[in-house]
């Protein structure tokens, strides 16, 4: 990959996909406080009834942290290749 005329990275598509985080959207059945420690997750948005997190690697520790909470639904989405490339270039993906 080249950015502004300079070589930024040499990666295969498989490497790009593997390095990209997954986005978890957690909806709660009732409002929750934001005091839970979510090691391995980056908080994108945190409302009383919905959290959006980016998780790199295994999501087991995040799921374990949520186990005592009133979780109504969890959506797990992989980042697209476009989003992975934007992150590599230091740009934020669009929400």
PDB file of N, CA and C in Angstrom:
ATOM      1  N   UNK A   1       0.837  -1.169   0.000  1.00  0.00           N
ATOM      2  CA  UNK A   1       0.000   0.000   0.000  1.00  0.00           C
ATOM      3  C   UNK A   1       0.884   1.234   0.000  1.00  0.00           C
ATOM      4  N   UNK A   2       0.455   2.202  -0.771  1.00  0.00           N
ATOM      5  CA  UNK A   2       1.195   3.448  -0.915  1.00  0.00           C
ATOM      6  C   UNK A   2       0.279   4.595  -0.500  1.00  0.00           C
ATOM      7  N   UNK A   3       0.837   5.505   0.292  1.00  0.00           N
ATOM      8  CA  UNK A   3       0.099   6.689   0.727  1.00  0.00           C
ATOM      9  C   UNK A   3       1.000   7.900   0.554  1.00  0.00           C
ATOM     10  N   UNK A   4       0.486   8.895  -0.142  1.00  0.00           N
ATOM     11  CA  UNK A   4       1.241  10.129  -0.397  1.00  0.00           C
ATOM     12  C   UNK A   4       2.616   9.841  -0.999  1.00  0.00           C
ATOM     13  N   UNK A   5       2.669   8.833  -1.883  1.00  0.00           N
ATOM     14  CA  UNK A   5       3.905   8.512  -2.570  1.00  0.00           C
ATOM     15  C   UNK A   5       4.897   7.702  -1.750  1.00  0.00           C
ATOM     16  N   UNK A   6       4.500   7.274  -0.553  1.00  0.00           N
ATOM     17  CA  UNK A   6       5.406   6.493   0.296  1.00  0.00           C
ATOM     18  C   UNK A   6       4.793   5.126   0.578  1.00  0.00           C
ATOM     19  N   UNK A   7       5.653   4.120   0.667  1.00  0.00           N
ATOM     20  CA  UNK A   7       5.203   2.783   1.000  1.00  0.00           C
ATOM     21  C   UNK A   7       4.757   2.748   2.452  1.00  0.00           C
ATOM     22  N   UNK A   8       3.507   2.381   2.689  1.00  0.00           N
ATOM     23  CA  UNK A   8       2.946   2.345   4.042  1.00  0.00           C
ATOM     24  C   UNK A   8       3.028   0.942   4.615  1.00  0.00           C
ATOM     25  N   UNK A   9       2.696  -0.056   3.811  1.00  0.00           N
ATOM     26  CA  UNK A   9       2.686  -1.428   4.308  1.00  0.00           C
ATOM     27  C   UNK A   9       2.682  -2.418   3.161  1.00  0.00           C
ATOM     28  N   UNK A  10       3.203  -3.601   3.468  1.00  0.00           N
ATOM     29  CA  UNK A  10       3.124  -4.726   2.546  1.00  0.00           C
ATOM     30  C   UNK A  10       2.412  -5.827   3.325  1.00  0.00           C
ATOM     31  N   UNK A  11       1.147  -6.053   2.988  1.00  0.00           N
ATOM     32  CA  UNK A  11       0.332  -7.045   3.687  1.00  0.00           C
ATOM     33  C   UNK A  11      -0.546  -7.772   2.688  1.00  0.00           C
ATOM     34  N   UNK A  12      -0.822  -9.015   3.001  1.00  0.00           N
ATOM     35  CA  UNK A  12      -1.768  -9.761   2.183  1.00  0.00           C
ATOM     36  C   UNK A  12      -3.181  -9.404   2.633  1.00  0.00           C
ATOM     37  N   UNK A  13      -4.161  -9.731   1.819  1.00  0.00           N
ATOM     38  CA  UNK A  13      -5.551  -9.490   2.204  1.00  0.00           C
ATOM     39  C   UNK A  13      -5.902 -10.276   3.462  1.00  0.00           C
ATOM     40  N   UNK A  14      -5.400 -11.483   3.580  1.00  0.00           N
ATOM     41  CA  UNK A  14      -5.658 -12.294   4.780  1.00  0.00           C
ATOM     42  C   UNK A  14      -5.091 -11.624   6.029  1.00  0.00           C
ATOM     43  N   UNK A  15      -3.900 -11.048   5.926  1.00  0.00           N
ATOM     44  CA  UNK A  15      -3.305 -10.350   7.064  1.00  0.00           C
ATOM     45  C   UNK A  15      -4.106  -9.116   7.445  1.00  0.00           C
ATOM     46  N   UNK A  16      -4.588  -8.389   6.455  1.00  0.00           N
ATOM     47  CA  UNK A  16      -5.414  -7.213   6.735  1.00  0.00           C
ATOM     48  C   UNK A  16      -6.698  -7.606   7.440  1.00  0.00           C
ATOM     49  N   UNK A  17      -7.350  -8.653   6.965  1.00  0.00           N
ATOM     50  CA  UNK A  17      -8.595  -9.107   7.587  1.00  0.00           C
ATOM     51  C   UNK A  17      -8.362  -9.592   9.019  1.00  0.00           C
ATOM     52  N   UNK A  18      -7.275 -10.325   9.229  1.00  0.00           N
ATOM     53  CA  UNK A  18      -6.986 -10.867  10.561  1.00  0.00           C
ATOM     54  C   UNK A  18      -6.670  -9.767  11.566  1.00  0.00           C
ATOM     55  N   UNK A  19      -6.071  -8.674  11.114  1.00  0.00           N
ATOM     56  CA  UNK A  19      -5.680  -7.585  12.009  1.00  0.00           C
ATOM     57  C   UNK A  19      -6.827  -6.623  12.310  1.00  0.00           C
ATOM     58  N   UNK A  20      -7.885  -6.699  11.531  1.00  0.00           N
ATOM     59  CA  UNK A  20      -9.003  -5.774  11.718  1.00  0.00           C
ATOM     60  C   UNK A  20      -9.848  -6.187  12.924  1.00  0.00           C
ATOM     61  N   UNK A  21     -10.255  -5.230  13.746  1.00  0.00           N
ATOM     62  CA  UNK A  21     -11.108  -5.555  14.896  1.00  0.00           C
ATOM     63  C   UNK A  21     -12.531  -5.879  14.436  1.00  0.00           C
ATOM     64  N   UNK A  22     -13.308  -6.381  15.375  1.00  0.00           N
ATOM     65  CA  UNK A  22     -14.730  -6.592  15.136  1.00  0.00           C
ATOM     66  C   UNK A  22     -15.497  -5.555  15.933  1.00  0.00           C
ATOM     67  N   UNK A  23     -16.648  -5.157  15.411  1.00  0.00           N
ATOM     68  CA  UNK A  23     -17.486  -4.178  16.102  1.00  0.00           C
ATOM     69  C   UNK A  23     -18.638  -4.911  16.777  1.00  0.00           C
ATOM     70  N   UNK A  24     -18.738  -4.731  18.094  1.00  0.00           N
ATOM     71  CA  UNK A  24     -19.824  -5.319  18.866  1.00  0.00           C
ATOM     72  C   UNK A  24     -20.808  -4.221  19.228  1.00  0.00           C
ATOM     73  N   UNK A  25     -22.086  -4.466  18.961  1.00  0.00           N
ATOM     74  CA  UNK A  25     -23.147  -3.571  19.392  1.00  0.00           C
ATOM     75  C   UNK A  25     -23.955  -4.348  20.415  1.00  0.00           C
ATOM     76  N   UNK A  26     -23.953  -3.847  21.651  1.00  0.00           N
ATOM     77  CA  UNK A  26     -24.643  -4.520  22.746  1.00  0.00           C
ATOM     78  C   UNK A  26     -25.831  -3.677  23.151  1.00  0.00           C
ATOM     79  N   UNK A  27     -27.014  -4.277  23.109  1.00  0.00           N
ATOM     80  CA  UNK A  27     -28.236  -3.596  23.538  1.00  0.00           C
ATOM     81  C   UNK A  27     -28.690  -4.215  24.853  1.00  0.00           C
ATOM     82  N   UNK A  28     -29.097  -3.359  25.775  1.00  0.00           N
ATOM     83  CA  UNK A  28     -29.510  -3.809  27.091  1.00  0.00           C
ATOM     84  C   UNK A  28     -31.021  -3.685  27.244  1.00  0.00           C
ATOM     85  N   UNK A  29     -31.589  -4.555  28.075  1.00  0.00           N
ATOM     86  CA  UNK A  29     -33.028  -4.544  28.307  1.00  0.00           C
ATOM     87  C   UNK A  29     -33.446  -3.440  29.269  1.00  0.00           C
ATOM     88  N   UNK A  30     -32.473  -2.891  29.991  1.00  0.00           N
ATOM     89  CA  UNK A  30     -32.719  -1.741  30.862  1.00  0.00           C
ATOM     90  C   UNK A  30     -31.428  -0.950  30.957  1.00  0.00           C
ATOM     91  N   UNK A  31     -31.475   0.314  31.361  1.00  0.00           N
ATOM     92  CA  UNK A  31     -30.258   1.134  31.441  1.00  0.00           C
ATOM     93  C   UNK A  31     -29.215   0.531  32.383  1.00  0.00           C
ATOM     94  N   UNK A  32     -27.941   0.668  31.987  1.00  0.00           N
ATOM     95  CA  UNK A  32     -26.820   0.171  32.785  1.00  0.00           C
ATOM     96  C   UNK A  32     -25.830   1.303  33.016  1.00  0.00           C
ATOM     97  N   UNK A  33     -25.029   1.164  34.064  1.00  0.00           N
ATOM     98  CA  UNK A  33     -23.997   2.169  34.338  1.00  0.00           C
ATOM     99  C   UNK A  33     -22.742   1.823  33.537  1.00  0.00           C
ATOM    100  N   UNK A  34     -21.947   2.819  33.178  1.00  0.00           N
ATOM    101  CA  UNK A  34     -20.764   2.585  32.345  1.00  0.00           C
ATOM    102  C   UNK A  34     -19.516   2.197  33.133  1.00  0.00           C
ATOM    103  N   UNK A  35     -19.658   1.550  34.295  1.00  0.00           N
ATOM    104  CA  UNK A  35     -18.503   1.294  35.146  1.00  0.00           C
ATOM    105  C   UNK A  35     -17.786  -0.018  34.847  1.00  0.00           C
ATOM    106  N   UNK A  36     -18.282  -0.842  33.946  1.00  0.00           N
ATOM    107  CA  UNK A  36     -17.681  -2.138  33.663  1.00  0.00           C
ATOM    108  C   UNK A  36     -16.349  -1.990  32.942  1.00  0.00           C
ATOM    109  N   UNK A  37     -15.316  -2.725  33.415  1.00  0.00           N
ATOM    110  CA  UNK A  37     -14.015  -2.744  32.757  1.00  0.00           C
ATOM    111  C   UNK A  37     -14.086  -3.711  31.582  1.00  0.00           C
ATOM    112  N   UNK A  38     -13.771  -3.235  30.400  1.00  0.00           N
ATOM    113  CA  UNK A  38     -13.852  -4.056  29.201  1.00  0.00           C
ATOM    114  C   UNK A  38     -12.475  -4.162  28.561  1.00  0.00           C
ATOM    115  N   UNK A  39     -11.587  -4.907  29.205  1.00  0.00           N
ATOM    116  CA  UNK A  39     -10.222  -5.079  28.703  1.00  0.00           C
ATOM    117  C   UNK A  39     -10.259  -5.665  27.300  1.00  0.00           C
ATOM    118  N   UNK A  40      -9.472  -5.093  26.419  1.00  0.00           N
ATOM    119  CA  UNK A  40      -9.413  -5.566  25.042  1.00  0.00           C
ATOM    120  C   UNK A  40     -10.406  -4.908  24.115  1.00  0.00           C
ATOM    121  N   UNK A  41     -11.223  -4.017  24.657  1.00  0.00           N
ATOM    122  CA  UNK A  41     -12.239  -3.350  23.839  1.00  0.00           C
ATOM    123  C   UNK A  41     -12.020  -1.848  23.849  1.00  0.00           C
ATOM    124  N   UNK A  42     -12.268  -1.233  22.730  1.00  0.00           N
ATOM    125  CA  UNK A  42     -12.242   0.220  22.601  1.00  0.00           C
ATOM    126  C   UNK A  42     -13.689   0.692  22.499  1.00  0.00           C
ATOM    127  N   UNK A  43     -14.071   1.578  23.384  1.00  0.00           N
ATOM    128  CA  UNK A  43     -15.443   2.079  23.396  1.00  0.00           C
ATOM    129  C   UNK A  43     -15.608   3.108  22.282  1.00  0.00           C
ATOM    130  N   UNK A  44     -16.544   2.855  21.377  1.00  0.00           N
ATOM    131  CA  UNK A  44     -16.870   3.779  20.296  1.00  0.00           C
ATOM    132  C   UNK A  44     -18.019   4.672  20.738  1.00  0.00           C
ATOM    133  N   UNK A  45     -19.008   4.059  21.404  1.00  0.00           N
ATOM    134  CA  UNK A  45     -20.184   4.786  21.886  1.00  0.00           C
ATOM    135  C   UNK A  45     -20.716   4.037  23.098  1.00  0.00           C
ATOM    136  N   UNK A  46     -21.110   4.776  24.127  1.00  0.00           N
ATOM    137  CA  UNK A  46     -21.663   4.115  25.310  1.00  0.00           C
ATOM    138  C   UNK A  46     -22.818   4.937  25.844  1.00  0.00           C
ATOM    139  N   UNK A  47     -24.028   4.462  25.578  1.00  0.00           N
ATOM    140  CA  UNK A  47     -25.246   5.048  26.134  1.00  0.00           C
ATOM    141  C   UNK A  47     -25.729   4.113  27.242  1.00  0.00           C
ATOM    142  N   UNK A  48     -26.742   4.533  27.968  1.00  0.00           N
ATOM    143  CA  UNK A  48     -27.266   3.723  29.069  1.00  0.00           C
ATOM    144  C   UNK A  48     -27.858   2.402  28.589  1.00  0.00           C
ATOM    145  N   UNK A  49     -28.376   2.359  27.351  1.00  0.00           N
ATOM    146  CA  UNK A  49     -29.012   1.126  26.878  1.00  0.00           C
ATOM    147  C   UNK A  49     -28.371   0.506  25.643  1.00  0.00           C
ATOM    148  N   UNK A  50     -27.264   1.084  25.162  1.00  0.00           N
ATOM    149  CA  UNK A  50     -26.584   0.538  23.984  1.00  0.00           C
ATOM    150  C   UNK A  50     -25.111   0.925  24.004  1.00  0.00           C
ATOM    151  N   UNK A  51     -24.237  -0.061  23.853  1.00  0.00           N
ATOM    152  CA  UNK A  51     -22.800   0.182  23.760  1.00  0.00           C
ATOM    153  C   UNK A  51     -22.316  -0.296  22.401  1.00  0.00           C
ATOM    154  N   UNK A  52     -21.365   0.434  21.823  1.00  0.00           N
ATOM    155  CA  UNK A  52     -20.706   0.016  20.596  1.00  0.00           C
ATOM    156  C   UNK A  52     -19.214  -0.067  20.916  1.00  0.00           C
ATOM    157  N   UNK A  53     -18.641  -1.250  20.670  1.00  0.00           N
ATOM    158  CA  UNK A  53     -17.244  -1.505  21.014  1.00  0.00           C
ATOM    159  C   UNK A  53     -16.501  -2.060  19.814  1.00  0.00           C
ATOM    160  N   UNK A  54     -15.216  -1.724  19.698  1.00  0.00           N
ATOM    161  CA  UNK A  54     -14.328  -2.368  18.740  1.00  0.00           C
ATOM    162  C   UNK A  54     -13.442  -3.315  19.542  1.00  0.00           C
ATOM    163  N   UNK A  55     -13.389  -4.585  19.124  1.00  0.00           N
ATOM    164  CA  UNK A  55     -12.625  -5.596  19.854  1.00  0.00           C
ATOM    165  C   UNK A  55     -11.606  -6.232  18.917  1.00  0.00           C
ATOM    166  N   UNK A  56     -10.361  -6.190  19.338  1.00  0.00           N
ATOM    167  CA  UNK A  56      -9.271  -6.822  18.606  1.00  0.00           C
ATOM    168  C   UNK A  56      -8.981  -8.159  19.272  1.00  0.00           C
ATOM    169  N   UNK A  57      -8.958  -9.227  18.520  1.00  0.00           N
ATOM    170  CA  UNK A  57      -8.668 -10.542  19.084  1.00  0.00           C
ATOM    171  C   UNK A  57      -9.914 -11.209  19.629  1.00  0.00           C
ATOM    172  N   UNK A  58      -9.712 -12.204  20.512  1.00  0.00           N
ATOM    173  CA  UNK A  58     -10.855 -12.956  21.055  1.00  0.00           C
ATOM    174  C   UNK A  58     -11.819 -12.056  21.825  1.00  0.00           C
ATOM    175  N   UNK A  59     -13.115 -12.350  21.725  1.00  0.00           N
ATOM    176  CA  UNK A  59     -14.120 -11.527  22.402  1.00  0.00           C
ATOM    177  C   UNK A  59     -14.606 -12.148  23.709  1.00  0.00           C
ATOM    178  N   UNK A  60     -14.017 -13.285  24.099  1.00  0.00           N
ATOM    179  CA  UNK A  60     -14.456 -13.998  25.297  1.00  0.00           C
ATOM    180  C   UNK A  60     -14.421 -13.163  26.559  1.00  0.00           C
ATOM    181  N   UNK A  61     -13.368 -12.366  26.762  1.00  0.00           N
ATOM    182  CA  UNK A  61     -13.275 -11.564  27.982  1.00  0.00           C
ATOM    183  C   UNK A  61     -14.345 -10.480  28.017  1.00  0.00           C
ATOM    184  N   UNK A  62     -14.699  -9.948  26.870  1.00  0.00           N
ATOM    185  CA  UNK A  62     -15.762  -8.935  26.810  1.00  0.00           C
ATOM    186  C   UNK A  62     -17.110  -9.578  27.125  1.00  0.00           C
ATOM    187  N   UNK A  63     -17.353 -10.738  26.537  1.00  0.00           N
ATOM    188  CA  UNK A  63     -18.602 -11.449  26.793  1.00  0.00           C
ATOM    189  C   UNK A  63     -18.702 -11.820  28.273  1.00  0.00           C
ATOM    190  N   UNK A  64     -17.594 -12.266  28.867  1.00  0.00           N
ATOM    191  CA  UNK A  64     -17.592 -12.612  30.295  1.00  0.00           C
ATOM    192  C   UNK A  64     -17.925 -11.394  31.154  1.00  0.00           C
ATOM    193  N   UNK A  65     -17.378 -10.220  30.787  1.00  0.00           N
ATOM    194  CA  UNK A  65     -17.654  -8.999  31.548  1.00  0.00           C
ATOM    195  C   UNK A  65     -19.118  -8.598  31.451  1.00  0.00           C
ATOM    196  N   UNK A  66     -19.763  -8.950  30.354  1.00  0.00           N
ATOM    197  CA  UNK A  66     -21.171  -8.601  30.138  1.00  0.00           C
ATOM    198  C   UNK A  66     -22.145  -9.623  30.727  1.00  0.00           C
ATOM    199  N   UNK A  67     -21.632 -10.752  31.175  1.00  0.00           N
ATOM    200  CA  UNK A  67     -22.509 -11.862  31.576  1.00  0.00           C
ATOM    201  C   UNK A  67     -23.452 -11.533  32.732  1.00  0.00           C
ATOM    202  N   UNK A  68     -23.067 -10.628  33.613  1.00  0.00           N
ATOM    203  CA  UNK A  68     -23.931 -10.281  34.751  1.00  0.00           C
ATOM    204  C   UNK A  68     -24.837  -9.089  34.451  1.00  0.00           C
ATOM    205  N   UNK A  69     -24.799  -8.612  33.222  1.00  0.00           N
ATOM    206  CA  UNK A  69     -25.574  -7.436  32.847  1.00  0.00           C
ATOM    207  C   UNK A  69     -26.841  -7.850  32.098  1.00  0.00           C
ATOM    208  N   UNK A  70     -27.842  -6.973  32.033  1.00  0.00           N
ATOM    209  CA  UNK A  70     -29.104  -7.306  31.357  1.00  0.00           C
ATOM    210  C   UNK A  70     -29.003  -7.157  29.826  1.00  0.00           C
ATOM    211  N   UNK A  71     -28.196  -8.004  29.213  1.00  0.00           N
ATOM    212  CA  UNK A  71     -27.979  -7.943  27.766  1.00  0.00           C
ATOM    213  C   UNK A  71     -29.212  -8.473  27.046  1.00  0.00           C
ATOM    214  N   UNK A  72     -29.749  -7.674  26.133  1.00  0.00           N
ATOM    215  CA  UNK A  72     -30.905  -8.081  25.340  1.00  0.00           C
ATOM    216  C   UNK A  72     -30.472  -8.637  23.988  1.00  0.00           C
ATOM    217  N   UNK A  73     -29.376  -8.070  23.422  1.00  0.00           N
ATOM    218  CA  UNK A  73     -28.935  -8.490  22.100  1.00  0.00           C
ATOM    219  C   UNK A  73     -27.480  -8.092  21.899  1.00  0.00           C
ATOM    220  N   UNK A  74     -26.751  -8.910  21.147  1.00  0.00           N
ATOM    221  CA  UNK A  74     -25.371  -8.605  20.781  1.00  0.00           C
ATOM    222  C   UNK A  74     -25.230  -8.835  19.289  1.00  0.00           C
ATOM    223  N   UNK A  75     -24.700  -7.840  18.596  1.00  0.00           N
ATOM    224  CA  UNK A  75     -24.434  -7.953  17.169  1.00  0.00           C
ATOM    225  C   UNK A  75     -22.922  -7.863  16.988  1.00  0.00           C
ATOM    226  N   UNK A  76     -22.337  -8.841  16.291  1.00  0.00           N
ATOM    227  CA  UNK A  76     -20.897  -8.850  16.032  1.00  0.00           C
ATOM    228  C   UNK A  76     -20.703  -8.694  14.537  1.00  0.00           C
ATOM    229  N   UNK A  77     -19.970  -7.649  14.138  1.00  0.00           N
ATOM    230  CA  UNK A  77     -19.734  -7.395  12.723  1.00  0.00           C
ATOM    231  C   UNK A  77     -18.237  -7.227  12.471  1.00  0.00           C
ATOM    232  N   UNK A  78     -17.754  -7.891  11.439  1.00  0.00           N
ATOM    233  CA  UNK A  78     -16.361  -7.718  11.045  1.00  0.00           C
ATOM    234  C   UNK A  78     -16.218  -6.417  10.276  1.00  0.00           C
ATOM    235  N   UNK A  79     -15.054  -5.792  10.393  1.00  0.00           N
ATOM    236  CA  UNK A  79     -14.793  -4.605   9.609  1.00  0.00           C
ATOM    237  C   UNK A  79     -14.600  -5.008   8.161  1.00  0.00           C
ATOM    238  N   UNK A  80     -15.006  -4.140   7.269  1.00  0.00           N
ATOM    239  CA  UNK A  80     -14.813  -4.410   5.851  1.00  0.00           C
ATOM    240  C   UNK A  80     -13.352  -4.156   5.500  1.00  0.00           C
ATOM    241  N   UNK A  81     -12.961  -4.642   4.360  1.00  0.00           N
ATOM    242  CA  UNK A  81     -11.598  -4.421   3.896  1.00  0.00           C
ATOM    243  C   UNK A  81     -11.313  -2.926   3.747  1.00  0.00           C
ATOM    244  N   UNK A  82     -12.292  -2.170   3.270  1.00  0.00           N
ATOM    245  CA  UNK A  82     -12.134  -0.721   3.137  1.00  0.00           C
ATOM    246  C   UNK A  82     -11.836  -0.083   4.488  1.00  0.00           C
ATOM    247  N   UNK A  83     -12.571  -0.500   5.521  1.00  0.00           N
ATOM    248  CA  UNK A  83     -12.359   0.054   6.866  1.00  0.00           C
ATOM    249  C   UNK A  83     -10.982  -0.319   7.402  1.00  0.00           C
ATOM    250  N   UNK A  84     -10.529  -1.544   7.132  1.00  0.00           N
ATOM    251  CA  UNK A  84      -9.202  -1.980   7.579  1.00  0.00           C
ATOM    252  C   UNK A  84      -8.117  -1.138   6.919  1.00  0.00           C
ATOM    253  N   UNK A  85      -8.291  -0.837   5.649  1.00  0.00           N
ATOM    254  CA  UNK A  85      -7.310  -0.016   4.933  1.00  0.00           C
ATOM    255  C   UNK A  85      -7.323   1.409   5.467  1.00  0.00           C
ATOM    256  N   UNK A  86      -8.503   1.967   5.700  1.00  0.00           N
ATOM    257  CA  UNK A  86      -8.582   3.319   6.268  1.00  0.00           C
ATOM    258  C   UNK A  86      -7.875   3.388   7.619  1.00  0.00           C
ATOM    259  N   UNK A  87      -8.047   2.376   8.451  1.00  0.00           N
ATOM    260  CA  UNK A  87      -7.376   2.346   9.759  1.00  0.00           C
ATOM    261  C   UNK A  87      -5.865   2.292   9.574  1.00  0.00           C
ATOM    262  N   UNK A  88      -5.400   1.515   8.613  1.00  0.00           N
ATOM    263  CA  UNK A  88      -3.969   1.421   8.351  1.00  0.00           C
ATOM    264  C   UNK A  88      -3.407   2.767   7.931  1.00  0.00           C
ATOM    265  N   UNK A  89      -4.201   3.542   7.210  1.00  0.00           N
ATOM    266  CA  UNK A  89      -3.780   4.874   6.781  1.00  0.00           C
ATOM    267  C   UNK A  89      -3.986   5.925   7.854  1.00  0.00           C
ATOM    268  N   UNK A  90      -4.539   5.512   9.010  1.00  0.00           N
ATOM    269  CA  UNK A  90      -4.727   6.448  10.105  1.00  0.00           C
ATOM    270  C   UNK A  90      -5.980   7.288  10.007  1.00  0.00           C
ATOM    271  N   UNK A  91      -6.923   6.836   9.198  1.00  0.00           N
ATOM    272  CA  UNK A  91      -8.190   7.552   9.061  1.00  0.00           C
ATOM    273  C   UNK A  91      -9.273   6.786   9.794  1.00  0.00           C
ATOM    274  N   UNK A  92     -10.237   7.485  10.331  1.00  0.00           N
ATOM    275  CA  UNK A  92     -11.326   6.833  11.054  1.00  0.00           C
ATOM    276  C   UNK A  92     -12.364   6.316  10.084  1.00  0.00           C
ATOM    277  N   UNK A  93     -12.829   5.075  10.298  1.00  0.00           N
ATOM    278  CA  UNK A  93     -13.934   4.597   9.464  1.00  0.00           C
ATOM    279  C   UNK A  93     -15.211   5.360   9.803  1.00  0.00           C
ATOM    280  N   UNK A  94     -16.089   5.462   8.818  1.00  0.00           N
ATOM    281  CA  UNK A  94     -17.352   6.159   9.042  1.00  0.00           C
ATOM    282  C   UNK A  94     -18.303   5.269   9.808  1.00  0.00           C
ATOM    283  N   UNK A  95     -19.126   5.890  10.674  1.00  0.00           N
ATOM    284  CA  UNK A  95     -20.134   5.131  11.437  1.00  0.00           C
ATOM    285  C   UNK A  95     -21.402   5.008  10.637  1.00  0.00           C
TER     286      UNK A  95
END
